[in-house]
Amino acid sequence: MRHTPDLPKRLTDLTPVVIVGTALWLVALVVLFFTSGGVWVQTCVAGILLGGIGFGIIFWQRAAARRGSKSAQRL
């Protein structure tokens, strides 16, 4: 049985996905803030907050991998 090669770093790194997603929510917030209101603005704020939580999880996992934690995901 042959060893399966690891995926390239650009395919496993989640940081660009979180950056783009959070930026899209920020753009939507600015547009909807001036054109609409109510629940759509609140939805955009929630999306931005979840993007911030995503950044926190990514940095937390990277710090755990750097310090050698056994439960850290190594990407």
Protein backbone atom coordinates (compact mmCIF):
# COMPACT_ATOMS: atom_id res chain seq x y z
CA MET A 1 0.00 0.00 0.00
CA ARG A 2 1.41 3.38 -1.03
CA HIS A 3 1.59 6.42 1.20
CA THR A 4 -0.93 9.13 0.30
CA PRO A 5 0.85 12.48 -0.12
CA ASP A 6 -0.14 15.40 2.08
CA LEU A 7 -2.25 18.18 0.59
CA PRO A 8 -0.49 21.45 -0.23
CA LYS A 9 -0.64 24.15 2.46
CA ARG A 10 -2.74 26.45 0.23
CA LEU A 11 -5.52 23.83 0.18
CA THR A 12 -5.59 23.25 3.93
CA ASP A 13 -5.13 26.78 5.27
CA LEU A 14 -8.44 28.16 6.56
CA THR A 15 -7.24 31.72 7.13
CA PRO A 16 -8.06 33.00 3.60
CA VAL A 17 -11.54 31.51 3.82
CA VAL A 18 -12.24 33.26 7.12
CA ILE A 19 -10.77 36.55 5.84
CA VAL A 20 -12.88 36.53 2.67
CA GLY A 21 -16.05 35.49 4.51
CA THR A 22 -15.65 38.15 7.18
CA ALA A 23 -14.86 40.80 4.56
CA LEU A 24 -18.02 39.90 2.63
CA TRP A 25 -20.10 40.26 5.78
CA LEU A 26 -18.46 43.64 6.42
CA VAL A 27 -19.27 44.85 2.89
CA ALA A 28 -22.84 43.63 3.26
CA LEU A 29 -23.10 45.45 6.60
CA VAL A 30 -22.02 48.77 5.07
CA VAL A 31 -24.38 48.41 2.11
CA LEU A 32 -27.37 47.32 4.18
CA PHE A 33 -26.74 49.91 6.87
CA PHE A 34 -27.41 52.68 4.38
CA THR A 35 -30.13 50.97 2.33
CA SER A 36 -32.04 48.83 4.79
CA GLY A 37 -32.19 48.07 8.45
CA GLY A 38 -33.47 45.73 11.04
CA VAL A 39 -32.75 42.06 10.92
CA TRP A 40 -30.39 42.18 7.91
CA VAL A 41 -27.96 44.52 9.64
CA GLN A 42 -28.07 42.32 12.72
CA THR A 43 -27.37 39.27 10.55
CA CYS A 44 -24.28 40.97 9.11
CA VAL A 45 -23.04 41.86 12.59
CA ALA A 46 -23.50 38.23 13.63
CA GLY A 47 -21.52 37.10 10.57
CA ILE A 48 -18.66 39.44 11.44
CA LEU A 49 -18.66 38.22 15.05
CA LEU A 50 -18.57 34.60 13.91
CA GLY A 51 -15.65 35.46 11.63
CA GLY A 52 -13.85 36.89 14.65
CA ILE A 53 -14.53 33.68 16.56
CA GLY A 54 -13.16 31.76 13.58
CA PHE A 55 -9.93 33.79 13.71
CA GLY A 56 -9.66 33.07 17.40
CA ILE A 57 -10.04 29.33 16.88
CA ILE A 58 -7.45 29.31 14.08
CA PHE A 59 -4.89 31.18 16.19
CA TRP A 60 -5.69 29.01 19.22
CA GLN A 61 -5.08 25.81 17.23
CA ARG A 62 -1.84 27.16 15.76
CA ALA A 63 -0.57 28.12 19.21
CA ALA A 64 -1.42 24.64 20.52
CA ALA A 65 0.41 23.03 17.59
CA ARG A 66 3.48 25.23 18.17
CA ARG A 67 3.69 24.27 21.82
CA GLY A 68 3.30 20.58 20.95
CA SER A 69 -0.13 19.82 22.37
CA LYS A 70 -1.21 16.26 21.54
CA SER A 71 -4.78 17.32 20.77
CA ALA A 72 -3.82 20.16 18.39
CA GLN A 73 -4.70 19.89 14.73
CA ARG A 74 -1.56 20.18 12.67
CA LEU A 75 -2.25 21.68 9.27
